[in-house]
Amino acid sequence: MHPNQSDNPLIPRILIQWVKIFSGVTEAEQRLQPDKPQLVIVNSKRMCVVRHGDKFYAVQDSCSHSGESLSKGSINYMGEVICPLHNHCFNLQTGREMSSRSADLMTYPIKIDESGFFIGV
């Protein structure tokens, strides 16, 4: 089995393409300010990438309620990205809209190893 495929029979086997966006964690920490959403475009997909605490997250950049760019929003103390238009809050880890007022966001996995910092698409 390919290492990027799930071995859980309940999860569809989906091949993830890992796209390198930084040379490593040091560059990511230099380029991504803490709790400041950053727009990253990978394979024509707009993503909101965030450094929160000691972790990195990537979610779709478009708010599922209004379509507004979440990379223009802010991050609260609970690790949620806040849409700048109507203040909908989305969990960075799960993509879940915290008040169930709109659809959840797509999340993208991040992998960091000795060869670089990658986002899975």
Protein backbone atom coordinates (compact mmCIF):
# COMPACT_ATOMS: atom_id res chain seq x y z
CA MET A 1 0.00 0.00 0.00
CA HIS A 2 1.19 3.51 -0.79
CA PRO A 3 2.19 5.36 2.44
CA ASN A 4 -0.31 8.16 1.73
CA GLN A 5 -3.28 5.80 1.59
CA SER A 6 -5.42 4.84 4.55
CA ASP A 7 -5.33 1.27 5.82
CA ASN A 8 -8.71 1.75 7.54
CA PRO A 9 -11.34 -0.09 5.44
CA LEU A 10 -13.97 2.52 6.37
CA ILE A 11 -11.96 5.39 4.88
CA PRO A 12 -11.72 5.61 1.09
CA ARG A 13 -8.23 5.11 -0.25
CA ILE A 14 -7.29 8.49 -1.61
CA LEU A 15 -3.86 9.28 -2.90
CA ILE A 16 -2.56 12.54 -1.47
CA GLN A 17 -0.24 14.68 -3.53
CA TRP A 18 2.24 16.42 -1.22
CA VAL A 19 3.26 19.87 -2.49
CA LYS A 20 6.33 21.51 -0.97
CA ILE A 21 5.69 25.13 -0.02
CA PHE A 22 8.63 25.84 2.30
CA SER A 23 12.13 24.39 2.62
CA GLY A 24 11.39 23.37 6.20
CA VAL A 25 9.88 24.36 9.51
CA THR A 26 12.37 27.21 10.02
CA GLU A 27 11.29 28.93 6.81
CA ALA A 28 7.62 28.30 7.66
CA GLU A 29 8.09 29.92 11.07
CA GLN A 30 9.80 32.92 9.44
CA ARG A 31 7.13 33.36 6.75
CA LEU A 32 4.00 32.59 8.79
CA GLN A 33 3.46 35.02 11.65
CA PRO A 34 1.69 33.51 14.69
CA ASP A 35 -2.11 33.74 14.43
CA LYS A 36 -1.95 35.69 11.16
CA PRO A 37 -3.77 33.86 8.32
CA GLN A 38 -1.81 33.68 5.08
CA LEU A 39 -3.16 32.98 1.59
CA VAL A 40 -1.32 30.18 -0.20
CA ILE A 41 -2.30 28.93 -3.65
CA VAL A 42 -1.46 25.28 -4.33
CA ASN A 43 -2.47 23.64 -7.62
CA SER A 44 -5.00 26.45 -8.24
CA LYS A 45 -6.57 25.91 -4.79
CA ARG A 46 -6.75 28.90 -2.47
CA MET A 47 -5.82 27.91 1.07
CA CYS A 48 -5.67 29.77 4.34
CA VAL A 49 -2.52 28.63 6.15
CA VAL A 50 -2.10 29.47 9.84
CA ARG A 51 0.56 29.03 12.49
CA HIS A 52 -1.24 28.73 15.82
CA GLY A 53 0.81 27.86 18.87
CA ASP A 54 3.39 25.31 17.79
CA LYS A 55 1.22 23.84 15.00
CA PHE A 56 0.38 24.66 11.40
CA TYR A 57 -3.03 24.36 9.76
CA ALA A 58 -4.44 24.69 6.25
CA VAL A 59 -8.12 25.15 5.40
CA GLN A 60 -9.96 26.32 2.31
CA ASP A 61 -9.64 30.09 1.97
CA SER A 62 -13.26 30.72 1.01
CA CYS A 63 -15.79 31.09 3.84
CA SER A 64 -18.56 28.52 3.31
CA HIS A 65 -21.15 31.13 4.30
CA SER A 66 -20.17 34.19 2.29
CA GLY A 67 -17.24 33.23 0.06
CA GLU A 68 -15.07 35.86 1.74
CA SER A 69 -11.33 35.16 1.92
CA LEU A 70 -10.52 33.73 5.36
CA SER A 71 -6.89 34.78 4.95
CA LYS A 72 -8.23 38.32 5.49
CA GLY A 73 -9.71 37.22 8.82
CA SER A 74 -8.25 36.70 12.25
CA ILE A 75 -7.50 33.84 14.65
CA ASN A 76 -8.97 33.70 18.14
CA TYR A 77 -7.46 32.17 21.27
CA MET A 78 -9.38 28.89 20.70
CA GLY A 79 -7.69 28.23 17.36
CA GLU A 80 -10.54 29.33 15.12
CA VAL A 81 -10.28 31.37 11.96
CA ILE A 82 -12.87 34.15 11.98
CA CYS A 83 -14.44 35.31 8.73
CA PRO A 84 -13.98 39.09 8.40
CA LEU A 85 -17.43 39.57 6.85
CA HIS A 86 -19.93 37.98 9.26
CA ASN A 87 -17.68 36.61 12.05
CA HIS A 88 -18.37 32.93 11.40
CA CYS A 89 -15.76 30.91 13.34
CA PHE A 90 -14.17 27.75 11.95
CA ASN A 91 -11.99 25.30 13.89
CA LEU A 92 -8.56 25.18 12.21
CA GLN A 93 -8.06 21.48 12.93
CA THR A 94 -11.45 20.14 11.86
CA GLY A 95 -12.86 22.90 9.64
CA ARG A 96 -16.08 22.81 11.65
CA GLU A 97 -18.13 26.00 11.83
CA MET A 98 -18.56 26.39 15.57
CA SER A 99 -22.20 27.53 15.63
CA SER A 100 -23.40 25.23 12.82
CA ARG A 101 -24.60 28.25 10.85
CA SER A 102 -22.81 27.22 7.66
CA ALA A 103 -21.02 24.27 6.08
CA ASP A 104 -17.69 23.10 7.45
CA LEU A 105 -14.46 23.98 5.65
CA MET A 106 -12.24 21.61 3.75
CA THR A 107 -9.02 20.99 5.64
CA TYR A 108 -5.65 20.07 4.14
CA PRO A 109 -3.00 17.96 5.88
CA ILE A 110 0.44 19.38 6.56
CA LYS A 111 3.56 17.25 6.67
CA ILE A 112 6.96 18.46 7.88
CA ASP A 113 10.07 16.35 7.54
CA GLU A 114 13.77 16.74 6.76
CA SER A 115 13.00 17.42 3.08
CA GLY A 116 10.56 20.30 3.64
CA PHE A 117 7.14 21.63 4.61
CA PHE A 118 4.30 20.16 2.54
CA ILE A 119 0.55 20.59 2.08
CA GLY A 120 -1.47 17.60 0.93
CA VAL A 121 -3.91 18.10 -1.91
